Every structure is written in C-alpha cells, then in structure tokens.
C-alpha cells in the first residue's frame, strides 16, 4: 500500500511539475450573434470647395466675388455615391453688369442679356468627382467640366 501511495504521489507531482493545466476560454456570447454597427456608412460627396471660385481678372476695373448657394446632395440608390448640385452666383454693384466666365475664359450663356446678377447651376457625381455646367442653347444641351469660375463687372 505504501508503494502505491508513493507511486500515485509521484505521478501527481510529476504531472503538476512538467505539465501546465490550461483552463478553456469560455465564450461570452454565441458565435451566431452578429456584430451590429450603429455607425452610418460615409457617403462620397463632391464639395463646393472642390471647385475654384475666384474674383475676376486683376486686369479689369471691377472684380466680383463668386459665391455658391443651394448646395445639396442626393444619394445614388444602392451605392455610397451621391450627386451634388449648387448654384454659382455673382452680383455686380448697383448700376453695373456682372459677367461670369468658366475654365479658360468661356463666357456662360446666362450673361445674356446683361444683368446685375448672373447665376448658373452646377452638378457633380461623386463617381467621377467633376463639377459640370450644362449649357442649353437652341434646344441642344452641352455639358462642360468646370475647372474654375470667376466674375467681373
């Protein structure tokens, strides 16, 4: 009996000395439970500040500030992309006419007839991130990418 006790004690000592006992990790939730995020996805947007709005050419007598207004975006269904629209506007001092130009000096159709305030609409899809101006002349639409907009009086 003494030998058996010594033998069993030796096994217990040997096992505890040479082997580490590891506790199994207990799951705190079912793996079938989905992890749900409450954060809304971030939509891609064209911003009004992506388009350079400048005062008129410094060689003219009257430089006029271009402002944007009525900026809004609409999500394209089923995507994280949006379409954005805004109006670009410049107003001359009382008694003067405003003249808006785009890109490398192309005058917009809205300059005729001459007016104190000139307003155009611009649109942009976040798919290509390019602001555009659509000119309608004699029933024909022409869309022009905008790289810069400025006004003078």
N, C-alpha and C. Protein backbone atom coordinates (compact mmCIF):
# COMPACT_ATOMS: atom_id res chain seq x y z
N UNK A 1 0.82 -1.16 0.00
CA UNK A 1 0.00 0.00 0.00
C UNK A 1 0.88 1.25 0.00
N UNK A 2 1.97 1.20 0.78
CA UNK A 2 2.89 2.33 0.85
C UNK A 2 3.45 2.62 -0.53
N UNK A 3 3.82 1.60 -1.26
CA UNK A 3 4.35 1.78 -2.61
C UNK A 3 3.32 2.41 -3.55
N UNK A 4 2.09 1.97 -3.40
CA UNK A 4 1.05 2.52 -4.24
C UNK A 4 0.85 4.01 -3.96
N UNK A 5 0.85 4.41 -2.71
CA UNK A 5 0.71 5.83 -2.35
C UNK A 5 1.88 6.64 -2.88
N UNK A 6 3.08 6.12 -2.75
CA UNK A 6 4.27 6.82 -3.23
C UNK A 6 4.20 6.93 -4.76
N UNK A 7 3.75 5.86 -5.39
CA UNK A 7 3.64 5.86 -6.84
C UNK A 7 2.62 6.92 -7.30
N UNK A 8 1.44 6.95 -6.69
CA UNK A 8 0.40 7.91 -7.05
C UNK A 8 0.85 9.33 -6.75
N UNK A 9 1.49 9.55 -5.63
CA UNK A 9 2.01 10.87 -5.27
C UNK A 9 3.05 11.31 -6.28
N UNK A 10 3.89 10.40 -6.73
CA UNK A 10 4.91 10.71 -7.73
C UNK A 10 4.28 11.12 -9.05
N UNK A 11 3.23 10.42 -9.43
CA UNK A 11 2.55 10.76 -10.69
C UNK A 11 1.94 12.15 -10.60
N UNK A 12 1.26 12.45 -9.48
CA UNK A 12 0.63 13.76 -9.30
C UNK A 12 1.71 14.84 -9.31
N UNK A 13 2.82 14.63 -8.61
CA UNK A 13 3.90 15.59 -8.56
C UNK A 13 4.53 15.77 -9.95
N UNK A 14 4.76 14.65 -10.63
CA UNK A 14 5.34 14.68 -11.97
C UNK A 14 4.43 15.46 -12.92
N UNK A 15 3.11 15.16 -12.84
CA UNK A 15 2.16 15.81 -13.74
C UNK A 15 2.10 17.30 -13.45
N UNK A 16 2.06 17.71 -12.20
CA UNK A 16 1.95 19.13 -11.89
C UNK A 16 3.26 19.86 -12.15
N UNK A 17 4.39 19.18 -12.11
CA UNK A 17 5.68 19.82 -12.33
C UNK A 17 5.98 19.98 -13.81
N UNK A 18 5.65 19.00 -14.62
CA UNK A 18 6.02 19.02 -16.03
C UNK A 18 4.91 19.46 -16.99
N UNK A 19 3.69 19.48 -16.55
CA UNK A 19 2.59 19.85 -17.43
C UNK A 19 1.85 21.04 -16.83
N UNK A 20 1.50 21.98 -17.69
CA UNK A 20 0.67 23.11 -17.26
C UNK A 20 -0.78 22.75 -17.48
N UNK A 21 -1.58 23.11 -16.55
CA UNK A 21 -3.01 22.90 -16.69
C UNK A 21 -3.58 24.17 -17.31
N UNK A 22 -4.34 24.00 -18.34
CA UNK A 22 -4.89 25.14 -19.05
C UNK A 22 -6.40 25.12 -18.90
N UNK A 23 -6.95 26.30 -18.53
CA UNK A 23 -8.40 26.42 -18.45
C UNK A 23 -8.92 26.82 -19.83
N UNK A 24 -9.97 26.21 -20.23
CA UNK A 24 -10.55 26.55 -21.53
C UNK A 24 -11.18 27.94 -21.44
N UNK A 25 -11.08 28.70 -22.54
CA UNK A 25 -11.73 30.01 -22.59
C UNK A 25 -13.23 29.79 -22.71
N UNK A 26 -13.96 30.54 -21.96
CA UNK A 26 -15.40 30.41 -22.03
C UNK A 26 -15.95 31.51 -22.92
N UNK A 27 -16.77 31.18 -23.85
CA UNK A 27 -17.38 32.17 -24.74
C UNK A 27 -18.36 33.02 -23.96
N UNK A 28 -18.32 34.33 -24.20
CA UNK A 28 -19.25 35.24 -23.52
C UNK A 28 -20.49 35.51 -24.34
N UNK A 29 -20.44 35.16 -25.63
CA UNK A 29 -21.63 35.30 -26.47
C UNK A 29 -21.62 34.21 -27.52
N UNK A 30 -22.75 33.98 -28.04
CA UNK A 30 -22.89 32.95 -29.06
C UNK A 30 -22.19 33.40 -30.35
N UNK A 31 -21.43 32.53 -31.01
CA UNK A 31 -20.79 32.92 -32.27
C UNK A 31 -21.81 33.24 -33.35
N UNK A 32 -23.03 32.82 -33.17
CA UNK A 32 -24.06 33.11 -34.16
C UNK A 32 -24.61 34.53 -34.00
N UNK A 33 -24.26 35.21 -32.90
CA UNK A 33 -24.74 36.57 -32.68
C UNK A 33 -23.95 37.53 -33.56
N UNK A 34 -24.61 38.24 -34.47
CA UNK A 34 -23.88 39.16 -35.34
C UNK A 34 -23.45 40.41 -34.59
N UNK A 35 -22.35 40.98 -35.05
CA UNK A 35 -21.89 42.25 -34.51
C UNK A 35 -22.51 43.34 -35.37
N UNK A 36 -23.29 44.19 -34.76
CA UNK A 36 -24.02 45.22 -35.50
C UNK A 36 -23.41 46.57 -35.19
N UNK A 37 -23.06 47.31 -36.25
CA UNK A 37 -22.52 48.66 -36.08
C UNK A 37 -23.66 49.65 -36.21
N UNK A 38 -23.67 50.65 -35.34
CA UNK A 38 -24.71 51.67 -35.40
C UNK A 38 -24.24 52.89 -36.19
N UNK A 39 -23.00 52.88 -36.68
CA UNK A 39 -22.49 53.99 -37.45
C UNK A 39 -23.00 53.93 -38.89
N UNK A 40 -23.43 55.07 -39.38
CA UNK A 40 -23.90 55.14 -40.77
C UNK A 40 -22.69 55.11 -41.70
N UNK A 41 -22.83 54.50 -42.87
CA UNK A 41 -21.71 54.49 -43.81
C UNK A 41 -21.44 55.92 -44.30
N UNK A 42 -20.19 56.18 -44.62
CA UNK A 42 -19.80 57.51 -45.08
C UNK A 42 -20.04 57.59 -46.59
N UNK A 43 -20.85 58.56 -46.98
CA UNK A 43 -21.14 58.76 -48.40
C UNK A 43 -20.03 59.58 -49.04
N UNK A 44 -19.70 59.27 -50.28
CA UNK A 44 -18.75 60.08 -51.04
C UNK A 44 -19.49 61.29 -51.60
N UNK A 45 -18.88 62.47 -51.51
CA UNK A 45 -19.53 63.69 -51.96
C UNK A 45 -18.58 64.61 -52.68
N UNK A 46 -19.11 65.32 -53.66
CA UNK A 46 -18.41 66.45 -54.25
C UNK A 46 -18.70 67.64 -53.34
N UNK A 47 -17.69 68.37 -52.99
CA UNK A 47 -17.87 69.54 -52.13
C UNK A 47 -17.79 70.82 -52.95
N UNK A 48 -18.49 71.87 -52.54
CA UNK A 48 -18.40 73.13 -53.26
C UNK A 48 -16.97 73.67 -53.31
N UNK A 49 -16.21 73.37 -52.29
CA UNK A 49 -14.84 73.87 -52.22
C UNK A 49 -13.89 73.12 -53.16
N UNK A 50 -14.37 72.05 -53.80
CA UNK A 50 -13.55 71.33 -54.79
C UNK A 50 -13.40 72.14 -56.08
N UNK A 51 -14.25 73.14 -56.27
CA UNK A 51 -14.24 73.95 -57.48
C UNK A 51 -13.69 75.33 -57.16
N UNK A 52 -12.60 75.74 -57.81
CA UNK A 52 -12.05 77.08 -57.53
C UNK A 52 -13.00 78.19 -57.97
N UNK A 53 -13.45 78.98 -57.00
CA UNK A 53 -14.29 80.15 -57.26
C UNK A 53 -13.41 81.37 -57.02
N UNK A 54 -13.26 82.19 -58.03
CA UNK A 54 -12.31 83.30 -57.94
C UNK A 54 -12.99 84.63 -58.24
N UNK A 55 -12.34 85.69 -57.81
CA UNK A 55 -12.76 87.02 -58.24
C UNK A 55 -12.29 87.18 -59.67
N UNK A 56 -12.77 88.24 -60.34
CA UNK A 56 -12.42 88.44 -61.73
C UNK A 56 -10.95 88.66 -61.97
N UNK A 57 -10.61 88.79 -63.23
CA UNK A 57 -9.23 89.02 -63.63
C UNK A 57 -8.73 90.33 -63.02
N UNK A 58 -7.51 90.34 -62.56
CA UNK A 58 -6.98 91.54 -61.90
C UNK A 58 -6.74 92.68 -62.87
N UNK A 59 -6.84 92.43 -64.16
CA UNK A 59 -6.62 93.48 -65.15
C UNK A 59 -7.89 94.30 -65.40
N UNK A 60 -9.02 93.88 -64.87
CA UNK A 60 -10.27 94.60 -65.09
C UNK A 60 -10.52 95.58 -63.97
N UNK A 61 -11.42 96.51 -64.23
CA UNK A 61 -11.75 97.53 -63.24
C UNK A 61 -12.50 96.97 -62.04
N UNK A 62 -13.38 96.01 -62.29
CA UNK A 62 -14.23 95.51 -61.21
C UNK A 62 -14.16 93.99 -61.11
N UNK A 63 -13.59 93.55 -60.02
CA UNK A 63 -13.58 92.12 -59.72
C UNK A 63 -14.80 91.82 -58.86
N UNK A 64 -15.48 90.71 -59.13
CA UNK A 64 -16.69 90.35 -58.38
C UNK A 64 -16.50 88.96 -57.79
N UNK A 65 -16.84 88.81 -56.54
CA UNK A 65 -16.73 87.52 -55.86
C UNK A 65 -17.80 86.55 -56.37
N UNK A 66 -17.41 85.30 -56.57
CA UNK A 66 -18.35 84.23 -56.92
C UNK A 66 -18.70 83.50 -55.64
N UNK A 67 -19.98 83.28 -55.43
CA UNK A 67 -20.43 82.54 -54.25
C UNK A 67 -21.25 81.33 -54.70
N UNK A 68 -21.34 80.34 -53.81
CA UNK A 68 -22.20 79.20 -54.10
C UNK A 68 -23.36 79.22 -53.12
N UNK A 69 -24.52 78.74 -53.57
CA UNK A 69 -25.69 78.66 -52.73
C UNK A 69 -26.54 77.48 -53.17
N UNK A 70 -27.46 77.09 -52.30
CA UNK A 70 -28.37 75.97 -52.56
C UNK A 70 -27.62 74.66 -52.83
N UNK A 71 -26.52 74.42 -52.14
CA UNK A 71 -25.77 73.16 -52.27
C UNK A 71 -26.57 72.04 -51.63
N UNK A 72 -26.74 70.95 -52.37
CA UNK A 72 -27.40 69.78 -51.81
C UNK A 72 -26.88 68.51 -52.47
N UNK A 73 -26.97 67.41 -51.73
CA UNK A 73 -26.54 66.12 -52.27
C UNK A 73 -27.69 65.11 -52.16
N UNK A 74 -27.69 64.16 -53.08
CA UNK A 74 -28.67 63.09 -53.08
C UNK A 74 -27.92 61.78 -53.30
N UNK A 75 -28.18 60.81 -52.44
CA UNK A 75 -27.50 59.51 -52.58
C UNK A 75 -28.00 58.78 -53.82
N UNK A 76 -27.05 58.18 -54.55
CA UNK A 76 -27.39 57.33 -55.68
C UNK A 76 -27.82 55.99 -55.10
N UNK A 77 -29.05 55.54 -55.35
CA UNK A 77 -29.56 54.32 -54.71
C UNK A 77 -28.63 53.12 -54.88
N UNK A 78 -28.45 52.40 -53.77
CA UNK A 78 -27.67 51.17 -53.79
C UNK A 78 -26.16 51.38 -53.77
N UNK A 79 -25.71 52.63 -53.60
CA UNK A 79 -24.27 52.92 -53.59
C UNK A 79 -23.94 53.88 -52.45
N UNK A 80 -22.67 54.15 -52.26
CA UNK A 80 -22.23 55.18 -51.32
C UNK A 80 -21.93 56.48 -52.06
N UNK A 81 -22.26 56.54 -53.35
CA UNK A 81 -22.03 57.75 -54.15
C UNK A 81 -23.22 58.68 -54.07
N UNK A 82 -22.97 59.95 -54.41
CA UNK A 82 -24.02 60.96 -54.40
C UNK A 82 -23.91 61.83 -55.65
N UNK A 83 -25.00 62.51 -55.94
CA UNK A 83 -24.96 63.59 -56.92
C UNK A 83 -25.16 64.88 -56.13
N UNK A 84 -24.41 65.89 -56.50
CA UNK A 84 -24.50 67.18 -55.82
C UNK A 84 -24.89 68.25 -56.82
N UNK A 85 -25.64 69.22 -56.36
CA UNK A 85 -25.98 70.37 -57.18
C UNK A 85 -25.78 71.63 -56.36
N UNK A 86 -25.50 72.71 -57.06
CA UNK A 86 -25.41 74.01 -56.40
C UNK A 86 -25.56 75.09 -57.47
N UNK A 87 -25.89 76.28 -57.01
CA UNK A 87 -25.90 77.44 -57.89
C UNK A 87 -24.65 78.25 -57.63
N UNK A 88 -24.07 78.79 -58.69
CA UNK A 88 -22.93 79.70 -58.59
C UNK A 88 -23.44 81.07 -59.02
N UNK A 89 -23.08 82.08 -58.24
CA UNK A 89 -23.67 83.38 -58.48
C UNK A 89 -22.66 84.50 -58.24
N UNK A 90 -22.80 85.56 -59.03
CA UNK A 90 -22.04 86.78 -58.77
C UNK A 90 -22.95 87.97 -59.03
N UNK A 91 -22.78 88.99 -58.21
CA UNK A 91 -23.62 90.19 -58.30
C UNK A 91 -22.73 91.42 -58.37
N UNK A 92 -22.98 92.24 -59.38
CA UNK A 92 -22.22 93.48 -59.56
C UNK A 92 -22.83 94.57 -58.67
N UNK A 93 -22.06 95.62 -58.47
CA UNK A 93 -22.56 96.78 -57.74
C UNK A 93 -23.74 97.38 -58.50
N UNK A 94 -24.56 98.13 -57.81
CA UNK A 94 -25.71 98.79 -58.43
C UNK A 94 -25.26 99.63 -59.62
N UNK A 95 -25.96 99.47 -60.72
CA UNK A 95 -25.65 100.23 -61.93
C UNK A 95 -24.64 99.55 -62.84
N UNK A 96 -24.13 98.39 -62.43
CA UNK A 96 -23.15 97.67 -63.25
C UNK A 96 -23.70 96.28 -63.59
N UNK A 97 -23.10 95.66 -64.60
CA UNK A 97 -23.48 94.31 -65.02
C UNK A 97 -22.39 93.33 -64.62
N UNK A 98 -22.81 92.13 -64.24
CA UNK A 98 -21.88 91.05 -63.93
C UNK A 98 -21.65 90.20 -65.17
N UNK A 99 -20.47 89.62 -65.26
CA UNK A 99 -20.14 88.72 -66.36
C UNK A 99 -19.38 87.54 -65.77
N UNK A 100 -19.94 86.33 -65.96
CA UNK A 100 -19.31 85.12 -65.40
C UNK A 100 -18.57 84.39 -66.51
N UNK A 101 -17.38 83.90 -66.16
CA UNK A 101 -16.57 83.11 -67.09
C UNK A 101 -16.18 81.80 -66.41
N UNK A 102 -15.97 80.77 -67.23
CA UNK A 102 -15.56 79.46 -66.71
C UNK A 102 -14.28 79.01 -67.41
N UNK A 103 -13.57 78.14 -66.74
CA UNK A 103 -12.37 77.49 -67.28
C UNK A 103 -11.37 78.51 -67.81
N UNK A 104 -11.10 78.51 -69.09
CA UNK A 104 -10.08 79.41 -69.66
C UNK A 104 -10.69 80.65 -70.32
N UNK A 105 -11.79 81.15 -69.76
CA UNK A 105 -12.37 82.38 -70.27
C UNK A 105 -13.63 82.23 -71.09
N UNK A 106 -14.26 81.09 -71.05
CA UNK A 106 -15.51 80.89 -71.77
C UNK A 106 -16.63 81.60 -71.01
N UNK A 107 -17.37 82.45 -71.70
CA UNK A 107 -18.48 83.17 -71.08
C UNK A 107 -19.69 82.25 -71.03
N UNK A 108 -20.42 82.30 -69.91
CA UNK A 108 -21.61 81.45 -69.78
C UNK A 108 -22.78 82.10 -70.50
N UNK A 109 -23.73 81.28 -70.94
CA UNK A 109 -24.90 81.76 -71.67
C UNK A 109 -25.76 82.68 -70.82
N UNK A 110 -25.71 82.51 -69.50
CA UNK A 110 -26.53 83.32 -68.59
C UNK A 110 -26.08 84.78 -68.54
N UNK A 111 -24.95 85.13 -69.18
CA UNK A 111 -24.52 86.53 -69.25
C UNK A 111 -25.41 87.35 -70.18
N UNK A 112 -26.25 86.68 -71.01
CA UNK A 112 -27.11 87.37 -71.96
C UNK A 112 -28.56 87.13 -71.55
N UNK A 113 -29.36 88.18 -71.40
CA UNK A 113 -29.00 89.59 -71.53
C UNK A 113 -28.19 90.04 -70.32
N UNK A 114 -27.43 91.12 -70.45
CA UNK A 114 -26.63 91.63 -69.33
C UNK A 114 -27.51 91.90 -68.10
N UNK A 115 -27.00 91.48 -66.95
CA UNK A 115 -27.76 91.64 -65.70
C UNK A 115 -26.81 91.97 -64.55
N UNK A 116 -27.37 92.50 -63.50
CA UNK A 116 -26.56 92.80 -62.32
C UNK A 116 -26.12 91.51 -61.63
N UNK A 117 -26.96 90.47 -61.67
CA UNK A 117 -26.65 89.18 -61.05
C UNK A 117 -26.68 88.08 -62.12
N UNK A 118 -25.64 87.25 -62.13
CA UNK A 118 -25.57 86.10 -63.03
C UNK A 118 -25.52 84.85 -62.15
N UNK A 119 -26.38 83.87 -62.48
CA UNK A 119 -26.44 82.62 -61.72
C UNK A 119 -26.43 81.45 -62.70
N UNK A 120 -25.58 80.45 -62.40
CA UNK A 120 -25.60 79.21 -63.18
C UNK A 120 -25.77 78.04 -62.21
N UNK A 121 -26.21 76.91 -62.75
CA UNK A 121 -26.31 75.69 -61.97
C UNK A 121 -25.14 74.79 -62.31
N UNK A 122 -24.62 74.12 -61.28
CA UNK A 122 -23.53 73.16 -61.47
C UNK A 122 -23.93 71.85 -60.81
N UNK A 123 -23.45 70.75 -61.38
CA UNK A 123 -23.75 69.43 -60.82
C UNK A 123 -22.48 68.59 -60.81
N UNK A 124 -22.48 67.59 -59.93
CA UNK A 124 -21.30 66.73 -59.80
C UNK A 124 -21.74 65.36 -59.30
N UNK A 125 -21.17 64.32 -59.87
CA UNK A 125 -21.37 62.96 -59.38
C UNK A 125 -20.09 62.55 -58.65
N UNK A 126 -20.25 61.98 -57.47
CA UNK A 126 -19.06 61.55 -56.73
C UNK A 126 -18.39 60.34 -57.37
N UNK A 127 -19.02 59.76 -58.39
CA UNK A 127 -18.39 58.66 -59.14
C UNK A 127 -17.13 59.16 -59.83
N UNK A 128 -17.21 60.36 -60.46
CA UNK A 128 -16.03 60.90 -61.15
C UNK A 128 -15.49 62.18 -60.51
N UNK A 129 -16.22 62.77 -59.55
CA UNK A 129 -15.78 63.95 -58.79
C UNK A 129 -15.44 65.14 -59.68
N UNK A 130 -16.28 65.40 -60.69
CA UNK A 130 -16.06 66.53 -61.60
C UNK A 130 -17.31 67.41 -61.59
N UNK A 131 -17.14 68.67 -61.21
CA UNK A 131 -18.24 69.63 -61.30
C UNK A 131 -18.46 69.96 -62.77
N UNK A 132 -19.75 70.07 -63.16
CA UNK A 132 -20.09 70.31 -64.56
C UNK A 132 -21.14 71.41 -64.69
N UNK A 133 -21.06 72.11 -65.81
CA UNK A 133 -22.03 73.14 -66.18
C UNK A 133 -22.69 72.67 -67.46
N UNK A 134 -24.03 72.70 -67.50
CA UNK A 134 -24.75 72.29 -68.70
C UNK A 134 -25.37 73.52 -69.35
N UNK A 135 -24.98 73.76 -70.56
CA UNK A 135 -25.46 74.87 -71.36
C UNK A 135 -26.53 74.35 -72.30
N UNK A 136 -27.68 75.02 -72.32
CA UNK A 136 -28.74 74.66 -73.25
C UNK A 136 -28.89 75.83 -74.21
N UNK A 137 -28.61 75.59 -75.48
CA UNK A 137 -28.71 76.63 -76.49
C UNK A 137 -29.48 76.08 -77.69
N UNK A 138 -30.55 76.74 -78.03
CA UNK A 138 -31.41 76.34 -79.15
C UNK A 138 -31.82 74.87 -79.03
N UNK A 139 -32.15 74.45 -77.81
CA UNK A 139 -32.64 73.10 -77.58
C UNK A 139 -31.57 72.03 -77.48
N UNK A 140 -30.31 72.41 -77.63
CA UNK A 140 -29.21 71.44 -77.58
C UNK A 140 -28.45 71.62 -76.26
N UNK A 141 -28.27 70.53 -75.51
CA UNK A 141 -27.54 70.56 -74.24
C UNK A 141 -26.08 70.21 -74.46
N UNK A 142 -25.21 71.00 -73.88
CA UNK A 142 -23.78 70.73 -73.91
C UNK A 142 -23.27 70.78 -72.48
N UNK A 143 -22.63 69.73 -72.02
CA UNK A 143 -22.09 69.69 -70.67
C UNK A 143 -20.59 69.92 -70.71
N UNK A 144 -20.14 70.85 -69.86
CA UNK A 144 -18.73 71.24 -69.84
C UNK A 144 -18.19 71.00 -68.43
N UNK A 145 -17.07 70.26 -68.29
CA UNK A 145 -16.45 70.13 -66.97
C UNK A 145 -15.94 71.51 -66.50
N UNK A 146 -16.14 71.81 -65.25
CA UNK A 146 -15.69 73.08 -64.69
C UNK A 146 -14.34 72.92 -64.01
N UNK A 147 -13.40 73.78 -64.34
CA UNK A 147 -12.12 73.77 -63.64
C UNK A 147 -11.92 75.03 -62.81
N UNK A 148 -12.65 76.10 -63.18
CA UNK A 148 -12.59 77.34 -62.42
C UNK A 148 -13.73 78.24 -62.88
N UNK A 149 -14.19 79.10 -61.97
CA UNK A 149 -15.27 80.03 -62.26
C UNK A 149 -14.87 81.39 -61.69
N UNK A 150 -15.09 82.46 -62.47
CA UNK A 150 -14.83 83.81 -61.96
C UNK A 150 -15.76 84.80 -62.59
N UNK A 151 -15.87 85.98 -61.96
CA UNK A 151 -16.76 87.03 -62.44
C UNK A 151 -16.05 88.37 -62.43
N UNK A 152 -16.52 89.22 -63.30
CA UNK A 152 -16.04 90.59 -63.35
C UNK A 152 -17.22 91.48 -63.75
N UNK A 153 -17.07 92.78 -63.51
CA UNK A 153 -18.15 93.70 -63.84
C UNK A 153 -17.69 94.81 -64.75
